[in-house]
Structure formats: structure tokens, C-alpha cells
């Protein structure tokens, strides 16, 4: 783990118990849960494959998939600037800059952000909330 990564006073660094990796999280924002760990176990990433994680949050899925698979390259796409920035610092913290990229953007723009057939595997782990616990789509 690198010592040159800035950690804000309100953040914590959690041990992922895998390959010595850690993740930076803000306890007042969304923190990953067991669903992210399970998704990283169920996603079938083969040697040399490229992976896109939609709504990556703090980058937990790309980091766990890099640790557990022989995938070649992982991209996390996140719309929230603060979460994307935190994810980038976690990638750097674990010296994974060559394997994982974090992009800031909207999943609705994927067709403009990435060429067709750019990825072998696409994951997404949307947040689950109790009724009334988050924003609701009117559609």
C-alpha cells in the first residue's frame, strides 16, 4: 500500500482481504456491501478480457475483479465526481494504474464513450434502497 495517496480526515481505508488491496471510502456516502463481493465472484472474467463496470462508485468491482481474475483491463464508469475521484485514489493506492481506469461519465453516454464491442464483460451493481430512501424515477 502506498503512503503518498491523500486520505481526507472523513475517509477510511478498508482492507479488502485480497492481494493486500485496500479501498478508500467515505462512511457518509455509499460504501460497498456483500452484494459487490458476490458480484465479483459471479462475474466470469477470462484471461485477457476487458471489463466495464457501470456505476462503479468507489471502484470496488474493478479492484476485486482485478484481484480475482486474469482479466487484462478494467474500466469503472462513475457519474459522481467525488466517487470517481475516490476510486482513482484507491486504484493508485493499490498500484493498479496499468490495469484499472476510472472514467467520469453517465452510463447513458456509453455509446459515445466507448466503441461497440469494446468489452468482453460488463458489470453493474446498482444501489438498493428502501422505499423512500433515495431518488425515484418517475417512469
C-alpha atoms as a PDB file:
ATOM      1  CA  UNK A   1       0.000   0.000   0.000  1.00  0.00           C
ATOM      2  CA  UNK A   2       1.327   3.410  -0.954  1.00  0.00           C
ATOM      3  CA  UNK A   3       1.867   6.171   1.560  1.00  0.00           C
ATOM      4  CA  UNK A   4       1.730   9.049  -0.938  1.00  0.00           C
ATOM      5  CA  UNK A   5      -2.037   8.905  -1.504  1.00  0.00           C
ATOM      6  CA  UNK A   6      -4.048  11.662   0.146  1.00  0.00           C
ATOM      7  CA  UNK A   7      -6.749  10.434   2.523  1.00  0.00           C
ATOM      8  CA  UNK A   8      -9.223  13.019   3.831  1.00  0.00           C
ATOM      9  CA  UNK A   9      -9.962  13.089   7.566  1.00  0.00           C
ATOM     10  CA  UNK A  10     -13.561  11.975   6.947  1.00  0.00           C
ATOM     11  CA  UNK A  11     -12.498   8.927   4.885  1.00  0.00           C
ATOM     12  CA  UNK A  12     -11.435   5.483   5.944  1.00  0.00           C
ATOM     13  CA  UNK A  13      -9.204   2.919   4.263  1.00  0.00           C
ATOM     14  CA  UNK A  14     -10.619  -0.606   4.353  1.00  0.00           C
ATOM     15  CA  UNK A  15      -8.603  -3.794   3.870  1.00  0.00           C
ATOM     16  CA  UNK A  16     -10.172  -5.893   1.097  1.00  0.00           C
ATOM     17  CA  UNK A  17      -8.541  -9.084   2.395  1.00  0.00           C
ATOM     18  CA  UNK A  18      -7.384  -9.877  -1.133  1.00  0.00           C
ATOM     19  CA  UNK A  19      -3.899  -9.385  -2.630  1.00  0.00           C
ATOM     20  CA  UNK A  20      -3.140  -6.772   0.031  1.00  0.00           C
ATOM     21  CA  UNK A  21      -5.594  -4.381  -1.628  1.00  0.00           C
ATOM     22  CA  UNK A  22      -7.368  -1.560   0.171  1.00  0.00           C
ATOM     23  CA  UNK A  23     -10.202   0.802  -0.744  1.00  0.00           C
ATOM     24  CA  UNK A  24     -10.880   4.372   0.296  1.00  0.00           C
ATOM     25  CA  UNK A  25     -14.451   5.018   1.445  1.00  0.00           C
ATOM     26  CA  UNK A  26     -16.424   7.844   2.967  1.00  0.00           C
ATOM     27  CA  UNK A  27     -18.735   6.458   5.683  1.00  0.00           C
ATOM     28  CA  UNK A  28     -21.233   9.265   4.973  1.00  0.00           C
ATOM     29  CA  UNK A  29     -21.577   8.216   1.335  1.00  0.00           C
ATOM     30  CA  UNK A  30     -22.421   4.865  -0.205  1.00  0.00           C
ATOM     31  CA  UNK A  31     -19.989   2.146   0.941  1.00  0.00           C
ATOM     32  CA  UNK A  32     -19.823  -1.239  -0.753  1.00  0.00           C
ATOM     33  CA  UNK A  33     -21.573  -4.264   0.719  1.00  0.00           C
ATOM     34  CA  UNK A  34     -21.662  -8.015   0.329  1.00  0.00           C
ATOM     35  CA  UNK A  35     -23.528  -7.661  -2.989  1.00  0.00           C
ATOM     36  CA  UNK A  36     -20.384  -6.169  -4.570  1.00  0.00           C
ATOM     37  CA  UNK A  37     -18.273  -9.009  -3.228  1.00  0.00           C
ATOM     38  CA  UNK A  38     -20.762 -11.586  -4.551  1.00  0.00           C
ATOM     39  CA  UNK A  39     -20.929  -9.905  -7.968  1.00  0.00           C
ATOM     40  CA  UNK A  40     -17.145 -10.061  -8.192  1.00  0.00           C
ATOM     41  CA  UNK A  41     -17.401 -13.811  -7.522  1.00  0.00           C
ATOM     42  CA  UNK A  42     -20.159 -14.419 -10.083  1.00  0.00           C
ATOM     43  CA  UNK A  43     -18.727 -12.326 -12.925  1.00  0.00           C
ATOM     44  CA  UNK A  44     -16.964 -14.675 -15.338  1.00  0.00           C
ATOM     45  CA  UNK A  45     -13.872 -12.791 -16.484  1.00  0.00           C
ATOM     46  CA  UNK A  46     -11.423 -14.851 -18.503  1.00  0.00           C
ATOM     47  CA  UNK A  47      -7.744 -14.319 -19.214  1.00  0.00           C
ATOM     48  CA  UNK A  48      -7.112 -11.316 -21.423  1.00  0.00           C
ATOM     49  CA  UNK A  49     -10.651  -9.940 -21.294  1.00  0.00           C
ATOM     50  CA  UNK A  50     -11.674  -6.302 -20.982  1.00  0.00           C
ATOM     51  CA  UNK A  51     -14.282  -5.333 -18.400  1.00  0.00           C
ATOM     52  CA  UNK A  52     -16.543  -2.304 -17.942  1.00  0.00           C
ATOM     53  CA  UNK A  53     -18.229  -1.657 -14.595  1.00  0.00           C
ATOM     54  CA  UNK A  54     -21.162   0.748 -14.899  1.00  0.00           C
ATOM     55  CA  UNK A  55     -21.822   2.948 -11.871  1.00  0.00           C
ATOM     56  CA  UNK A  56     -18.561   1.854 -10.278  1.00  0.00           C
ATOM     57  CA  UNK A  57     -18.876   4.074  -7.195  1.00  0.00           C
ATOM     58  CA  UNK A  58     -15.566   3.872  -5.355  1.00  0.00           C
ATOM     59  CA  UNK A  59     -14.244   1.238  -7.777  1.00  0.00           C
ATOM     60  CA  UNK A  60     -14.842  -1.857  -5.684  1.00  0.00           C
ATOM     61  CA  UNK A  61     -15.876  -4.141  -8.572  1.00  0.00           C
ATOM     62  CA  UNK A  62     -12.893  -3.407 -10.857  1.00  0.00           C
ATOM     63  CA  UNK A  63     -10.486  -3.729  -7.929  1.00  0.00           C
ATOM     64  CA  UNK A  64     -11.950  -7.053  -6.773  1.00  0.00           C
ATOM     65  CA  UNK A  65     -12.159  -8.409 -10.328  1.00  0.00           C
ATOM     66  CA  UNK A  66      -8.534  -7.481 -10.939  1.00  0.00           C
ATOM     67  CA  UNK A  67      -7.608  -9.351  -7.770  1.00  0.00           C
ATOM     68  CA  UNK A  68      -9.683 -12.457  -8.533  1.00  0.00           C
ATOM     69  CA  UNK A  69      -9.389 -12.892 -12.306  1.00  0.00           C
ATOM     70  CA  UNK A  70      -6.876 -12.844 -15.124  1.00  0.00           C
ATOM     71  CA  UNK A  71      -8.703 -10.060 -16.973  1.00  0.00           C
ATOM     72  CA  UNK A  72      -6.436  -7.757 -18.922  1.00  0.00           C
ATOM     73  CA  UNK A  73      -8.021  -4.360 -18.342  1.00  0.00           C
ATOM     74  CA  UNK A  74     -10.837  -2.921 -16.240  1.00  0.00           C
ATOM     75  CA  UNK A  75     -12.725   0.355 -16.573  1.00  0.00           C
ATOM     76  CA  UNK A  76     -15.092   1.784 -13.995  1.00  0.00           C
ATOM     77  CA  UNK A  77     -17.584   4.414 -15.171  1.00  0.00           C
ATOM     78  CA  UNK A  78     -18.998   6.717 -12.499  1.00  0.00           C
ATOM     79  CA  UNK A  79     -21.211   9.811 -12.804  1.00  0.00           C
ATOM     80  CA  UNK A  80     -20.496  11.270  -9.351  1.00  0.00           C
ATOM     81  CA  UNK A  81     -17.238  13.283  -9.449  1.00  0.00           C
ATOM     82  CA  UNK A  82     -16.450  12.701  -5.751  1.00  0.00           C
ATOM     83  CA  UNK A  83     -16.863   8.928  -6.036  1.00  0.00           C
ATOM     84  CA  UNK A  84     -14.861   8.773  -9.271  1.00  0.00           C
ATOM     85  CA  UNK A  85     -12.044  10.740  -7.667  1.00  0.00           C
ATOM     86  CA  UNK A  86     -12.085   8.466  -4.624  1.00  0.00           C
ATOM     87  CA  UNK A  87     -11.997   5.412  -6.906  1.00  0.00           C
ATOM     88  CA  UNK A  88      -8.984   6.808  -8.774  1.00  0.00           C
ATOM     89  CA  UNK A  89      -7.148   7.261  -5.482  1.00  0.00           C
ATOM     90  CA  UNK A  90      -7.969   3.653  -4.495  1.00  0.00           C
ATOM     91  CA  UNK A  91      -6.630   2.420  -7.834  1.00  0.00           C
ATOM     92  CA  UNK A  92      -3.441   4.416  -7.257  1.00  0.00           C
ATOM     93  CA  UNK A  93      -3.248   3.276  -3.622  1.00  0.00           C
ATOM     94  CA  UNK A  94      -3.049  -0.318  -4.863  1.00  0.00           C
ATOM     95  CA  UNK A  95      -0.643   0.432  -7.741  1.00  0.00           C
ATOM     96  CA  UNK A  96      -3.221  -0.692 -10.289  1.00  0.00           C
ATOM     97  CA  UNK A  97      -2.995   2.240 -12.709  1.00  0.00           C
ATOM     98  CA  UNK A  98      -1.808  -0.061 -15.528  1.00  0.00           C
ATOM     99  CA  UNK A  99      -4.822  -2.383 -15.127  1.00  0.00           C
ATOM    100  CA  UNK A 100      -7.729  -0.187 -13.968  1.00  0.00           C
ATOM    101  CA  UNK A 101      -9.041   3.131 -15.262  1.00  0.00           C
ATOM    102  CA  UNK A 102     -11.810   5.160 -13.680  1.00  0.00           C
ATOM    103  CA  UNK A 103     -13.798   7.346 -16.061  1.00  0.00           C
ATOM    104  CA  UNK A 104     -16.241  10.029 -15.022  1.00  0.00           C
ATOM    105  CA  UNK A 105     -19.403   9.972 -17.093  1.00  0.00           C
ATOM    106  CA  UNK A 106     -23.029   8.951 -17.492  1.00  0.00           C
ATOM    107  CA  UNK A 107     -23.975   5.405 -18.478  1.00  0.00           C
ATOM    108  CA  UNK A 108     -26.476   6.949 -20.896  1.00  0.00           C
ATOM    109  CA  UNK A 109     -23.466   8.171 -22.905  1.00  0.00           C
ATOM    110  CA  UNK A 110     -21.738   4.795 -23.210  1.00  0.00           C
ATOM    111  CA  UNK A 111     -22.397   4.632 -26.934  1.00  0.00           C
ATOM    112  CA  UNK A 112     -20.409   7.874 -27.319  1.00  0.00           C
ATOM    113  CA  UNK A 113     -17.725   6.989 -24.768  1.00  0.00           C
ATOM    114  CA  UNK A 114     -16.756   3.509 -25.977  1.00  0.00           C
ATOM    115  CA  UNK A 115     -16.546   1.789 -29.334  1.00  0.00           C
ATOM    116  CA  UNK A 116     -19.008  -1.059 -29.962  1.00  0.00           C
ATOM    117  CA  UNK A 117     -17.760  -4.466 -28.773  1.00  0.00           C
ATOM    118  CA  UNK A 118     -15.002  -2.861 -26.658  1.00  0.00           C
ATOM    119  CA  UNK A 119     -15.710  -5.089 -23.662  1.00  0.00           C
ATOM    120  CA  UNK A 120     -15.989  -8.811 -23.062  1.00  0.00           C
ATOM    121  CA  UNK A 121     -17.755  -8.402 -19.718  1.00  0.00           C
ATOM    122  CA  UNK A 122     -19.958  -5.605 -18.378  1.00  0.00           C
ATOM    123  CA  UNK A 123     -20.997  -5.452 -14.734  1.00  0.00           C
ATOM    124  CA  UNK A 124     -23.258  -3.144 -12.772  1.00  0.00           C
ATOM    125  CA  UNK A 125     -24.225  -3.189  -9.131  1.00  0.00           C
ATOM    126  CA  UNK A 126     -26.914  -0.535  -8.624  1.00  0.00           C
ATOM    127  CA  UNK A 127     -27.562   0.691  -5.099  1.00  0.00           C
ATOM    128  CA  UNK A 128     -30.511  -0.920  -3.350  1.00  0.00           C
ATOM    129  CA  UNK A 129     -32.577   1.375  -1.162  1.00  0.00           C
ATOM    130  CA  UNK A 130     -35.672   1.102   0.965  1.00  0.00           C
ATOM    131  CA  UNK A 131     -38.781   2.796  -0.418  1.00  0.00           C
ATOM    132  CA  UNK A 132     -38.412   6.499   0.258  1.00  0.00           C
ATOM    133  CA  UNK A 133     -34.660   6.134   0.802  1.00  0.00           C
ATOM    134  CA  UNK A 134     -33.461   7.648  -2.455  1.00  0.00           C
ATOM    135  CA  UNK A 135     -34.488   9.386  -5.634  1.00  0.00           C
ATOM    136  CA  UNK A 136     -37.259   7.661  -7.554  1.00  0.00           C
ATOM    137  CA  UNK A 137     -37.561   7.575 -11.333  1.00  0.00           C
ATOM    138  CA  UNK A 138     -40.998   8.788 -12.473  1.00  0.00           C
ATOM    139  CA  UNK A 139     -41.024   6.331 -15.397  1.00  0.00           C
END
